[in-house]
Structure formats: C-alpha cells, structure tokens
Amino acid sequence: MSTRAGFVALIGEPNAGKSTLTNYLVGAKVSIVTHKVQTTRARIRGVALEGDAQLVLVDTPGLFRPRRRLDRAMVAAAWAGVADADVVVLLIEAHRGITAGVESILEGLANMPKGRTVALAINKIDRVKSEVLLGLAKEMNERFAFAKTVMISAEKGYGVAELKSWLAEQMPEGHWLYPEDQIADLPLRMIAAEMTREKLTLRLHQELPYQLTVETENWEERPDGSARIDQIVYVARDGHKGIVLGKKGETIKAVSQASRAELEEFLGRKVHLFLQVKVRPNWLEEAERYSEMGLNFRDGNS
C-alpha cells in the first residue's frame, strides 16, 4: 500500500506551543492559541498531509497538576491521547528547560508500555543560545530514549518541515483516515465556540478565563451563502455576567466582532454572529458540558 496514516499526540506543559504547532502543521487554525495556560480543553484533532502520509494530530490539554474536576478530566484526556497515538511528540520550551512539570511528564512517559515511539521537540529556540540548546537536548536524551530530537520554533516555522517529514515516515501503512480536504474532526459548531472562547480569554485576561464556556446553540445556513450562528456564553456567577458584558455591553460587542471576523476568514464567507450571556452556576459539574468539550466527566473524579 502506498499511503500511510496514523495518530500523533503532542504533549507538554501548558503554553509549550502545542496548539501553535498543530496549526502550523495543518496550515489552518484548528486549535485556539492564547497566552493563557490551559486553553485547550478538548483533544482537538488536526489533519495534516505530507506526501502520501496523513498525520492526525491530537492536540492534548497541557499537562499540569490538577486541582478541580475540569483539571483532572483535562489531564486524563491528555494521557489518553498518548495511549492512542502511533507517535508521541513531547514539546518543551528552550528557555525554561527541564521544569518540575517536564520532570513529571518524563515520569509518565517512563511508565508507558515499551516500544512507544516518542520524539522530543525543543520549542522557542530563538530565545536561547545554541550551546544552551545542545546542553538541554543532551540532558533530555539522557533522561529518556527519544527516537528523534528536533529544534523548532512553532510560531515562526523553523524546523517544523523536518519534524513533519519525520512524522510522515513513522506513520503505519494504511488508508487515509479522513477525506483529503478535511482539516479537523471537530464539528464546525465546536470550532466556532472555541474561537469565541479564545477571544473572551484574551479580552478578560485573569478575570475569569476558566469560569466560562461557550456553546453554539444554533447554526443556520442562509440562501445567500452566509451563516447565522447563535452562541451562549455560560458563566458561573451573576457577577461574572457583568464582566463578560462590560460597560454598556462594550466587552461582549468587541468579542463578537473579533470572533465574527475570524469565523468569516476561516469559513470563507459572511457570518452573522449573535452572543448571549447566561448564568449557569454548576456548569463545571455537569456531565453534558464535558461531553461537548470532548472530555470524560468521570475522569474528573478525584
């Protein structure tokens, strides 16, 4: 068989660059990217093509020490992505080196079944000198037997072509898993909700990034080729509703405009986006919300 296809799990600490790398490999924005940690909740799969190979990228939540049910479900989803993958890529940040979080991930990798193909990608290489990079690569490979080590900048694309080519070679022979023109296995409704949540996260900074979720309630295809999208922003408390709305509705208006512009670029057509804010005190404890984010509610149990 001339074609290859398989799953690649990208793992690392929050903010290591997994979403940025996914988007660069795929060539489109399928995973939200912000400077806030823990923005990737669901295991977003991007689909990248390289020659005769199809790479299905599992962009896992960042691995960190969980405190709440949502945190525990996210960490469980990340390790589940590792277990399902043909190749695992550990991303670490060049300027941060071997942190306590990286140590913890290395322990987890050491406990995996033998024979798993794991690569090391040292990201943000433009932030440190070459001798620091070489020293970090040497120390990491002394800790774990990586099948491949690459130096990259996921943001600027340095080294990404080399990584993509190598990943393609590792994929098992087989039929492609997705149609050639499909870039993600997430429904458009969820991608749209994630885009709006990204804009809220960026706009609200530290105020309540983890206390809200966005759902696409309605998606209507119009005869003129445009789409009407209705979304609900759920917050946990009454006080949060005012923060999301902003003074005279300025915040939600700005978020709506930014999200609509990105959706129009992503879809290549006109979008009519309508946002509502509703208080839902216990959304973090509702099994249905976890399913919509691609997470397992039971994994959140302590």
C-alpha atoms as a PDB file:
ATOM      1  CA  MET A   1       0.000   0.000   0.000  1.00  0.00           C
ATOM      2  CA  SER A   2       1.397   3.399  -0.973  1.00  0.00           C
ATOM      3  CA  THR A   3      -0.433   5.519   1.600  1.00  0.00           C
ATOM      4  CA  ARG A   4       0.260   5.967   5.295  1.00  0.00           C
ATOM      5  CA  ALA A   5      -1.895   7.283   8.129  1.00  0.00           C
ATOM      6  CA  GLY A   6      -1.674   7.479  11.883  1.00  0.00           C
ATOM      7  CA  PHE A   7      -2.116   9.495  15.062  1.00  0.00           C
ATOM      8  CA  VAL A   8       0.417  11.925  16.524  1.00  0.00           C
ATOM      9  CA  ALA A   9      -0.063  13.096  20.118  1.00  0.00           C
ATOM     10  CA  LEU A  10       1.504  16.429  21.034  1.00  0.00           C
ATOM     11  CA  ILE A  11       2.115  16.671  24.771  1.00  0.00           C
ATOM     12  CA  GLY A  12       3.787  19.150  27.075  1.00  0.00           C
ATOM     13  CA  GLU A  13       3.166  21.705  29.760  1.00  0.00           C
ATOM     14  CA  PRO A  14       0.548  24.428  29.263  1.00  0.00           C
ATOM     15  CA  ASN A  15       1.839  27.108  26.868  1.00  0.00           C
ATOM     16  CA  ALA A  16       4.599  24.864  25.478  1.00  0.00           C
ATOM     17  CA  GLY A  17       3.366  25.585  21.949  1.00  0.00           C
ATOM     18  CA  LYS A  18       1.257  22.524  21.136  1.00  0.00           C
ATOM     19  CA  SER A  19      -1.655  24.456  19.640  1.00  0.00           C
ATOM     20  CA  THR A  20       0.678  26.698  17.631  1.00  0.00           C
ATOM     21  CA  LEU A  21       2.499  23.650  16.257  1.00  0.00           C
ATOM     22  CA  THR A  22      -0.799  21.936  15.383  1.00  0.00           C
ATOM     23  CA  ASN A  23      -1.961  24.985  13.477  1.00  0.00           C
ATOM     24  CA  TYR A  24       1.377  25.339  11.637  1.00  0.00           C
ATOM     25  CA  LEU A  25       1.450  21.680  10.610  1.00  0.00           C
ATOM     26  CA  VAL A  26      -2.165  21.735   9.437  1.00  0.00           C
ATOM     27  CA  GLY A  27      -1.874  25.139   7.791  1.00  0.00           C
ATOM     28  CA  ALA A  28      -5.098  26.425   9.333  1.00  0.00           C
ATOM     29  CA  LYS A  29      -6.325  27.493  12.730  1.00  0.00           C
ATOM     30  CA  VAL A  30      -7.975  24.460  14.284  1.00  0.00           C
ATOM     31  CA  SER A  31      -6.736  24.847  17.840  1.00  0.00           C
ATOM     32  CA  ILE A  32      -7.092  28.041  19.832  1.00  0.00           C
ATOM     33  CA  VAL A  33      -3.877  29.807  20.754  1.00  0.00           C
ATOM     34  CA  THR A  34      -3.663  32.285  23.628  1.00  0.00           C
ATOM     35  CA  HIS A  35      -1.044  33.306  26.140  1.00  0.00           C
ATOM     36  CA  LYS A  36      -3.245  31.952  28.922  1.00  0.00           C
ATOM     37  CA  VAL A  37      -2.479  28.466  30.149  1.00  0.00           C
ATOM     38  CA  GLN A  38      -4.922  25.558  29.850  1.00  0.00           C
ATOM     39  CA  THR A  39      -6.867  26.999  26.914  1.00  0.00           C
ATOM     40  CA  THR A  40      -7.063  23.690  25.042  1.00  0.00           C
ATOM     41  CA  ARG A  41      -9.782  21.616  26.662  1.00  0.00           C
ATOM     42  CA  ALA A  42     -10.906  19.067  24.101  1.00  0.00           C
ATOM     43  CA  ARG A  43      -8.495  16.774  22.291  1.00  0.00           C
ATOM     44  CA  ILE A  44      -8.618  18.700  19.041  1.00  0.00           C
ATOM     45  CA  ARG A  45      -7.513  16.652  16.082  1.00  0.00           C
ATOM     46  CA  GLY A  46      -5.994  18.474  13.166  1.00  0.00           C
ATOM     47  CA  VAL A  47      -5.302  16.629   9.934  1.00  0.00           C
ATOM     48  CA  ALA A  48      -2.033  17.363   8.107  1.00  0.00           C
ATOM     49  CA  LEU A  49      -0.824  15.904   4.810  1.00  0.00           C
ATOM     50  CA  GLU A  50       2.806  15.189   3.949  1.00  0.00           C
ATOM     51  CA  GLY A  51       3.400  13.383   0.665  1.00  0.00           C
ATOM     52  CA  ASP A  52       1.499  10.101   0.778  1.00  0.00           C
ATOM     53  CA  ALA A  53       1.069  10.302   4.551  1.00  0.00           C
ATOM     54  CA  GLN A  54      -1.819  11.671   6.601  1.00  0.00           C
ATOM     55  CA  LEU A  55      -0.992  12.839  10.130  1.00  0.00           C
ATOM     56  CA  VAL A  56      -3.898  13.064  12.553  1.00  0.00           C
ATOM     57  CA  LEU A  57      -2.731  15.450  15.259  1.00  0.00           C
ATOM     58  CA  VAL A  58      -4.101  15.033  18.749  1.00  0.00           C
ATOM     59  CA  ASP A  59      -3.589  18.404  20.443  1.00  0.00           C
ATOM     60  CA  THR A  60      -3.870  17.437  24.086  1.00  0.00           C
ATOM     61  CA  PRO A  61      -4.536  19.730  27.039  1.00  0.00           C
ATOM     62  CA  GLY A  62      -1.354  20.865  28.758  1.00  0.00           C
ATOM     63  CA  LEU A  63      -0.153  18.515  31.481  1.00  0.00           C
ATOM     64  CA  PHE A  64      -0.162  20.156  34.892  1.00  0.00           C
ATOM     65  CA  ARG A  65      -1.023  19.365  38.497  1.00  0.00           C
ATOM     66  CA  PRO A  66      -4.838  19.128  38.571  1.00  0.00           C
ATOM     67  CA  ARG A  67      -6.926  20.725  41.310  1.00  0.00           C
ATOM     68  CA  ARG A  68     -10.530  20.706  40.115  1.00  0.00           C
ATOM     69  CA  ARG A  69     -12.760  18.235  38.287  1.00  0.00           C
ATOM     70  CA  LEU A  70     -12.216  20.029  34.966  1.00  0.00           C
ATOM     71  CA  ASP A  71      -8.420  19.973  35.515  1.00  0.00           C
ATOM     72  CA  ARG A  72      -8.448  16.232  36.272  1.00  0.00           C
ATOM     73  CA  ALA A  73     -10.566  15.485  33.195  1.00  0.00           C
ATOM     74  CA  MET A  74      -8.179  17.522  31.015  1.00  0.00           C
ATOM     75  CA  VAL A  75      -5.081  15.705  32.302  1.00  0.00           C
ATOM     76  CA  ALA A  76      -6.791  12.317  31.841  1.00  0.00           C
ATOM     77  CA  ALA A  77      -7.653  13.321  28.255  1.00  0.00           C
ATOM     78  CA  ALA A  78      -4.023  14.234  27.601  1.00  0.00           C
ATOM     79  CA  TRP A  79      -2.694  10.851  28.712  1.00  0.00           C
ATOM     80  CA  ALA A  80      -5.497   9.078  26.830  1.00  0.00           C
ATOM     81  CA  GLY A  81      -4.252  10.865  23.700  1.00  0.00           C
ATOM     82  CA  VAL A  82      -0.777   9.475  24.363  1.00  0.00           C
ATOM     83  CA  ALA A  83      -2.100   5.930  24.777  1.00  0.00           C
ATOM     84  CA  ASP A  84      -3.967   6.082  21.452  1.00  0.00           C
ATOM     85  CA  ALA A  85      -1.149   7.565  19.359  1.00  0.00           C
ATOM     86  CA  ASP A  86       1.287   5.948  16.936  1.00  0.00           C
ATOM     87  CA  VAL A  87       3.886   8.636  17.721  1.00  0.00           C
ATOM     88  CA  VAL A  88       4.171  10.967  20.711  1.00  0.00           C
ATOM     89  CA  VAL A  89       5.909  14.350  20.478  1.00  0.00           C
ATOM     90  CA  LEU A  90       6.954  15.985  23.753  1.00  0.00           C
ATOM     91  CA  LEU A  91       7.255  19.763  23.423  1.00  0.00           C
ATOM     92  CA  ILE A  92       9.395  21.659  25.896  1.00  0.00           C
ATOM     93  CA  GLU A  93      10.331  25.335  25.947  1.00  0.00           C
ATOM     94  CA  ALA A  94      14.008  26.035  25.282  1.00  0.00           C
ATOM     95  CA  HIS A  95      14.237  28.983  27.678  1.00  0.00           C
ATOM     96  CA  ARG A  96      12.509  27.159  30.548  1.00  0.00           C
ATOM     97  CA  GLY A  97      14.427  23.905  30.266  1.00  0.00           C
ATOM     98  CA  ILE A  98      13.625  20.917  32.486  1.00  0.00           C
ATOM     99  CA  THR A  99      10.963  22.264  34.835  1.00  0.00           C
ATOM    100  CA  ALA A 100       9.132  20.325  37.546  1.00  0.00           C
ATOM    101  CA  GLY A 101       6.305  19.876  35.032  1.00  0.00           C
ATOM    102  CA  VAL A 102       8.659  18.386  32.433  1.00  0.00           C
ATOM    103  CA  GLU A 103      10.088  16.073  35.109  1.00  0.00           C
ATOM    104  CA  SER A 104       6.560  14.861  35.854  1.00  0.00           C
ATOM    105  CA  ILE A 105       5.842  14.208  32.165  1.00  0.00           C
ATOM    106  CA  LEU A 106       9.108  12.279  31.806  1.00  0.00           C
ATOM    107  CA  GLU A 107       7.997  10.065  34.712  1.00  0.00           C
ATOM    108  CA  GLY A 108       4.692   9.450  32.950  1.00  0.00           C
ATOM    109  CA  LEU A 109       6.446   8.550  29.702  1.00  0.00           C
ATOM    110  CA  ALA A 110       8.744   6.157  31.543  1.00  0.00           C
ATOM    111  CA  ASN A 111       5.680   4.284  32.811  1.00  0.00           C
ATOM    112  CA  MET A 112       4.237   3.788  29.315  1.00  0.00           C
ATOM    113  CA  PRO A 113       4.424   0.379  27.620  1.00  0.00           C
ATOM    114  CA  LYS A 114       7.770  -0.242  25.931  1.00  0.00           C
ATOM    115  CA  GLY A 115       8.092   0.216  22.194  1.00  0.00           C
ATOM    116  CA  ARG A 116       6.227   3.535  22.000  1.00  0.00           C
ATOM    117  CA  THR A 117       7.844   5.986  19.540  1.00  0.00           C
ATOM    118  CA  VAL A 118       8.465   9.282  21.327  1.00  0.00           C
ATOM    119  CA  ALA A 119      10.135  12.351  19.817  1.00  0.00           C
ATOM    120  CA  LEU A 120      11.418  15.463  21.575  1.00  0.00           C
ATOM    121  CA  ALA A 121      10.711  18.892  20.093  1.00  0.00           C
ATOM    122  CA  ILE A 122      12.536  21.761  21.778  1.00  0.00           C
ATOM    123  CA  ASN A 123      10.424  24.821  21.003  1.00  0.00           C
ATOM    124  CA  LYS A 124      11.085  28.578  21.055  1.00  0.00           C
ATOM    125  CA  ILE A 125      14.720  28.033  20.068  1.00  0.00           C
ATOM    126  CA  ASP A 126      15.134  31.699  19.130  1.00  0.00           C
ATOM    127  CA  ARG A 127      15.101  32.584  22.825  1.00  0.00           C
ATOM    128  CA  VAL A 128      18.359  30.885  23.854  1.00  0.00           C
ATOM    129  CA  LYS A 129      21.938  30.399  22.610  1.00  0.00           C
ATOM    130  CA  SER A 130      22.934  27.286  20.678  1.00  0.00           C
ATOM    131  CA  GLU A 131      25.138  25.903  23.465  1.00  0.00           C
ATOM    132  CA  VAL A 132      22.166  26.012  25.861  1.00  0.00           C
ATOM    133  CA  LEU A 133      20.040  24.155  23.307  1.00  0.00           C
ATOM    134  CA  LEU A 134      22.650  21.445  22.812  1.00  0.00           C
ATOM    135  CA  GLY A 135      23.054  21.008  26.562  1.00  0.00           C
ATOM    136  CA  LEU A 136      19.299  20.741  27.059  1.00  0.00           C
ATOM    137  CA  ALA A 137      18.955  18.207  24.235  1.00  0.00           C
ATOM    138  CA  LYS A 138      21.772  16.103  25.700  1.00  0.00           C
ATOM    139  CA  GLU A 139      20.291  16.113  29.207  1.00  0.00           C
ATOM    140  CA  MET A 140      16.783  15.260  27.980  1.00  0.00           C
ATOM    141  CA  ASN A 141      18.082  12.324  25.937  1.00  0.00           C
ATOM    142  CA  GLU A 142      19.964  11.057  28.973  1.00  0.00           C
ATOM    143  CA  ARG A 143      16.639  11.028  30.853  1.00  0.00           C
ATOM    144  CA  PHE A 144      14.618   9.279  28.113  1.00  0.00           C
ATOM    145  CA  ALA A 145      15.409   7.370  24.903  1.00  0.00           C
ATOM    146  CA  PHE A 146      13.791   9.700  22.362  1.00  0.00           C
ATOM    147  CA  ALA A 147      13.535   8.330  18.827  1.00  0.00           C
ATOM    148  CA  LYS A 148      14.160  11.800  17.381  1.00  0.00           C
ATOM    149  CA  THR A 149      15.127  15.258  18.682  1.00  0.00           C
ATOM    150  CA  VAL A 150      14.287  18.385  16.701  1.00  0.00           C
ATOM    151  CA  MET A 151      14.833  22.070  17.421  1.00  0.00           C
ATOM    152  CA  ILE A 152      11.865  24.167  16.342  1.00  0.00           C
ATOM    153  CA  SER A 153      10.050  27.461  16.547  1.00  0.00           C
ATOM    154  CA  ALA A 154       6.371  26.534  16.208  1.00  0.00           C
ATOM    155  CA  GLU A 155       5.480  30.208  15.833  1.00  0.00           C
ATOM    156  CA  LYS A 156       7.958  31.006  13.048  1.00  0.00           C
ATOM    157  CA  GLY A 157       8.084  27.571  11.449  1.00  0.00           C
ATOM    158  CA  TYR A 158      11.784  26.854  11.976  1.00  0.00           C
ATOM    159  CA  GLY A 159      12.448  23.110  11.964  1.00  0.00           C
ATOM    160  CA  VAL A 160       8.758  22.232  11.544  1.00  0.00           C
ATOM    161  CA  ALA A 161       9.234  20.836   7.997  1.00  0.00           C
ATOM    162  CA  GLU A 162      11.903  18.435   9.303  1.00  0.00           C
ATOM    163  CA  LEU A 163       9.597  17.277  12.108  1.00  0.00           C
ATOM    164  CA  LYS A 164       6.651  16.857   9.715  1.00  0.00           C
ATOM    165  CA  SER A 165       8.726  14.832   7.252  1.00  0.00           C
ATOM    166  CA  TRP A 166       9.986  12.547  10.016  1.00  0.00           C
ATOM    167  CA  LEU A 167       6.493  12.060  11.423  1.00  0.00           C
ATOM    168  CA  ALA A 168       5.225  11.082   7.965  1.00  0.00           C
ATOM    169  CA  GLU A 169       7.898   8.365   7.757  1.00  0.00           C
ATOM    170  CA  GLN A 170       6.757   6.930  11.111  1.00  0.00           C
ATOM    171  CA  MET A 171       3.111   6.532  10.136  1.00  0.00           C
ATOM    172  CA  PRO A 172       1.943   2.937   9.549  1.00  0.00           C
ATOM    173  CA  GLU A 173       0.873   1.911   6.068  1.00  0.00           C
ATOM    174  CA  GLY A 174      -2.858   2.158   5.570  1.00  0.00           C
ATOM    175  CA  HIS A 175      -5.738   4.063   4.043  1.00  0.00           C
ATOM    176  CA  TRP A 176      -6.160   7.718   4.978  1.00  0.00           C
ATOM    177  CA  LEU A 177      -8.481   8.189   7.940  1.00  0.00           C
ATOM    178  CA  TYR A 178     -10.110  11.411   6.740  1.00  0.00           C
ATOM    179  CA  PRO A 179     -11.059  12.947   3.377  1.00  0.00           C
ATOM    180  CA  GLU A 180      -8.234  14.924   1.777  1.00  0.00           C
ATOM    181  CA  ASP A 181      -9.952  18.293   2.291  1.00  0.00           C
ATOM    182  CA  GLN A 182     -10.823  17.784   5.976  1.00  0.00           C
ATOM    183  CA  ILE A 183      -8.547  19.594   8.412  1.00  0.00           C
ATOM    184  CA  ALA A 184     -10.153  18.663  11.729  1.00  0.00           C
ATOM    185  CA  ASP A 185     -12.601  16.133  13.102  1.00  0.00           C
ATOM    186  CA  LEU A 186     -14.311  18.669  15.338  1.00  0.00           C
ATOM    187  CA  PRO A 187     -17.761  19.797  14.246  1.00  0.00           C
ATOM    188  CA  LEU A 188     -17.800  23.376  12.938  1.00  0.00           C
ATOM    189  CA  ARG A 189     -20.126  24.269  15.815  1.00  0.00           C
ATOM    190  CA  MET A 190     -17.397  23.414  18.325  1.00  0.00           C
ATOM    191  CA  ILE A 191     -14.635  25.152  16.357  1.00  0.00           C
ATOM    192  CA  ALA A 192     -16.818  28.284  16.270  1.00  0.00           C
ATOM    193  CA  ALA A 193     -17.412  28.078  20.032  1.00  0.00           C
ATOM    194  CA  GLU A 194     -13.685  27.668  20.665  1.00  0.00           C
ATOM    195  CA  MET A 195     -12.906  30.742  18.588  1.00  0.00           C
ATOM    196  CA  THR A 196     -15.312  32.847  20.646  1.00  0.00           C
ATOM    197  CA  ARG A 197     -13.919  31.417  23.886  1.00  0.00           C
ATOM    198  CA  GLU A 198     -10.412  32.358  22.753  1.00  0.00           C
ATOM    199  CA  LYS A 199     -11.497  35.957  22.181  1.00  0.00           C
ATOM    200  CA  LEU A 200     -13.117  36.061  25.633  1.00  0.00           C
ATOM    201  CA  THR A 201      -9.982  34.628  27.233  1.00  0.00           C
ATOM    202  CA  LEU A 202      -7.779  37.225  25.563  1.00  0.00           C
ATOM    203  CA  ARG A 203     -10.116  40.090  26.423  1.00  0.00           C
ATOM    204  CA  LEU A 204     -10.781  39.176  30.057  1.00  0.00           C
ATOM    205  CA  HIS A 205      -7.200  38.213  30.965  1.00  0.00           C
ATOM    206  CA  GLN A 206      -7.077  36.975  34.556  1.00  0.00           C
ATOM    207  CA  GLU A 207     -10.655  37.831  35.463  1.00  0.00           C
ATOM    208  CA  LEU A 208     -12.438  34.538  34.743  1.00  0.00           C
ATOM    209  CA  PRO A 209     -10.905  32.510  31.899  1.00  0.00           C
ATOM    210  CA  TYR A 210     -11.801  29.128  33.420  1.00  0.00           C
ATOM    211  CA  GLN A 211     -15.183  30.124  34.789  1.00  0.00           C
ATOM    212  CA  LEU A 212     -16.885  30.314  31.423  1.00  0.00           C
ATOM    213  CA  THR A 213     -17.715  28.128  28.477  1.00  0.00           C
ATOM    214  CA  VAL A 214     -19.215  28.829  25.064  1.00  0.00           C
ATOM    215  CA  GLU A 215     -21.756  26.732  23.204  1.00  0.00           C
ATOM    216  CA  THR A 216     -23.007  27.109  19.651  1.00  0.00           C
ATOM    217  CA  GLU A 217     -26.750  26.820  20.168  1.00  0.00           C
ATOM    218  CA  ASN A 218     -27.865  27.296  16.567  1.00  0.00           C
ATOM    219  CA  TRP A 219     -26.239  27.257  13.114  1.00  0.00           C
ATOM    220  CA  GLU A 220     -28.381  28.317  10.188  1.00  0.00           C
ATOM    221  CA  GLU A 221     -27.224  28.184   6.578  1.00  0.00           C
ATOM    222  CA  ARG A 222     -28.797  31.071   4.672  1.00  0.00           C
ATOM    223  CA  PRO A 223     -29.838  31.103   0.979  1.00  0.00           C
ATOM    224  CA  ASP A 224     -27.291  33.849   0.180  1.00  0.00           C
ATOM    225  CA  GLY A 225     -24.425  31.574   1.305  1.00  0.00           C
ATOM    226  CA  SER A 226     -23.885  33.252   4.665  1.00  0.00           C
ATOM    227  CA  ALA A 227     -24.352  31.594   8.062  1.00  0.00           C
ATOM    228  CA  ARG A 228     -26.212  32.765  11.157  1.00  0.00           C
ATOM    229  CA  ILE A 229     -24.542  31.490  14.321  1.00  0.00           C
ATOM    230  CA  ASP A 230     -26.127  31.846  17.763  1.00  0.00           C
ATOM    231  CA  GLN A 231     -23.882  31.197  20.763  1.00  0.00           C
ATOM    232  CA  ILE A 232     -24.376  31.222  24.516  1.00  0.00           C
ATOM    233  CA  VAL A 233     -21.615  32.209  26.927  1.00  0.00           C
ATOM    234  CA  TYR A 234     -22.229  30.394  30.209  1.00  0.00           C
ATOM    235  CA  VAL A 235     -20.749  31.890  33.383  1.00  0.00           C
ATOM    236  CA  ALA A 236     -20.815  30.517  36.908  1.00  0.00           C
ATOM    237  CA  ARG A 237     -21.958  33.637  38.814  1.00  0.00           C
ATOM    238  CA  ASP A 238     -24.102  36.746  38.354  1.00  0.00           C
ATOM    239  CA  GLY A 239     -21.044  38.945  38.934  1.00  0.00           C
ATOM    240  CA  HIS A 240     -19.277  37.268  36.010  1.00  0.00           C
ATOM    241  CA  LYS A 241     -22.105  38.170  33.636  1.00  0.00           C
ATOM    242  CA  GLY A 242     -21.406  41.875  34.108  1.00  0.00           C
ATOM    243  CA  ILE A 243     -17.695  41.332  33.481  1.00  0.00           C
ATOM    244  CA  VAL A 244     -18.373  39.487  30.217  1.00  0.00           C
ATOM    245  CA  LEU A 245     -20.889  42.084  29.036  1.00  0.00           C
ATOM    246  CA  GLY A 246     -18.665  45.024  30.014  1.00  0.00           C
ATOM    247  CA  LYS A 247     -19.666  48.651  30.426  1.00  0.00           C
ATOM    248  CA  LYS A 248     -22.643  49.345  28.124  1.00  0.00           C
ATOM    249  CA  GLY A 249     -22.011  45.959  26.503  1.00  0.00           C
ATOM    250  CA  GLU A 250     -18.633  47.027  25.134  1.00  0.00           C
ATOM    251  CA  THR A 251     -16.780  43.819  26.025  1.00  0.00           C
ATOM    252  CA  ILE A 252     -19.231  41.365  24.502  1.00  0.00           C
ATOM    253  CA  LYS A 253     -19.547  43.588  21.417  1.00  0.00           C
ATOM    254  CA  ALA A 254     -15.772  43.634  20.872  1.00  0.00           C
ATOM    255  CA  VAL A 255     -15.572  39.857  21.414  1.00  0.00           C
ATOM    256  CA  SER A 256     -18.404  39.282  18.958  1.00  0.00           C
ATOM    257  CA  GLN A 257     -16.745  41.439  16.281  1.00  0.00           C
ATOM    258  CA  ALA A 258     -13.349  39.728  16.689  1.00  0.00           C
ATOM    259  CA  SER A 259     -14.848  36.240  16.671  1.00  0.00           C
ATOM    260  CA  ARG A 260     -17.062  37.006  13.671  1.00  0.00           C
ATOM    261  CA  ALA A 261     -14.085  38.321  11.672  1.00  0.00           C
ATOM    262  CA  GLU A 262     -12.072  35.183  12.381  1.00  0.00           C
ATOM    263  CA  LEU A 263     -15.016  32.905  11.585  1.00  0.00           C
ATOM    264  CA  GLU A 264     -15.527  34.670   8.263  1.00  0.00           C
ATOM    265  CA  GLU A 265     -11.857  34.178   7.395  1.00  0.00           C
ATOM    266  CA  PHE A 266     -11.972  30.528   8.491  1.00  0.00           C
ATOM    267  CA  LEU A 267     -15.201  29.718   6.609  1.00  0.00           C
ATOM    268  CA  GLY A 268     -14.531  31.982   3.643  1.00  0.00           C
ATOM    269  CA  ARG A 269     -17.989  33.555   3.757  1.00  0.00           C
ATOM    270  CA  LYS A 270     -20.119  36.082   5.597  1.00  0.00           C
ATOM    271  CA  VAL A 271     -21.146  35.251   9.166  1.00  0.00           C
ATOM    272  CA  HIS A 272     -23.896  36.774  11.334  1.00  0.00           C
ATOM    273  CA  LEU A 273     -22.849  36.051  14.930  1.00  0.00           C
ATOM    274  CA  PHE A 274     -25.150  36.599  17.917  1.00  0.00           C
ATOM    275  CA  LEU A 275     -23.913  36.130  21.500  1.00  0.00           C
ATOM    276  CA  GLN A 276     -25.946  35.795  24.712  1.00  0.00           C
ATOM    277  CA  VAL A 277     -24.575  35.580  28.253  1.00  0.00           C
ATOM    278  CA  LYS A 278     -26.330  33.309  30.737  1.00  0.00           C
ATOM    279  CA  VAL A 279     -25.604  32.369  34.347  1.00  0.00           C
ATOM    280  CA  ARG A 280     -25.309  28.625  34.944  1.00  0.00           C
ATOM    281  CA  PRO A 281     -23.885  28.166  38.455  1.00  0.00           C
ATOM    282  CA  ASN A 282     -22.953  24.474  38.237  1.00  0.00           C
ATOM    283  CA  TRP A 283     -21.788  24.114  34.637  1.00  0.00           C
ATOM    284  CA  LEU A 284     -18.393  22.839  35.852  1.00  0.00           C
ATOM    285  CA  GLU A 285     -20.201  19.884  37.443  1.00  0.00           C
ATOM    286  CA  GLU A 286     -22.476  18.991  34.509  1.00  0.00           C
ATOM    287  CA  ALA A 287     -21.573  15.808  32.620  1.00  0.00           C
ATOM    288  CA  GLU A 288     -23.129  17.192  29.421  1.00  0.00           C
ATOM    289  CA  ARG A 289     -20.697  20.131  29.324  1.00  0.00           C
ATOM    290  CA  TYR A 290     -17.731  17.735  29.487  1.00  0.00           C
ATOM    291  CA  SER A 291     -19.054  15.626  26.620  1.00  0.00           C
ATOM    292  CA  GLU A 292     -19.371  18.759  24.483  1.00  0.00           C
ATOM    293  CA  MET A 293     -15.723  19.585  25.205  1.00  0.00           C
ATOM    294  CA  GLY A 294     -14.614  16.074  24.267  1.00  0.00           C
ATOM    295  CA  LEU A 295     -13.765  15.231  27.879  1.00  0.00           C
ATOM    296  CA  ASN A 296     -14.894  12.371  30.123  1.00  0.00           C
ATOM    297  CA  PHE A 297     -16.865  13.589  33.148  1.00  0.00           C
ATOM    298  CA  ARG A 298     -15.871  10.508  35.157  1.00  0.00           C
ATOM    299  CA  ASP A 299     -12.170  11.276  34.623  1.00  0.00           C
ATOM    300  CA  GLY A 300     -12.714  14.353  36.775  1.00  0.00           C
ATOM    301  CA  ASN A 301     -13.384  12.257  39.867  1.00  0.00           C
ATOM    302  CA  SER A 302     -10.642  12.511  42.457  1.00  0.00           C
END
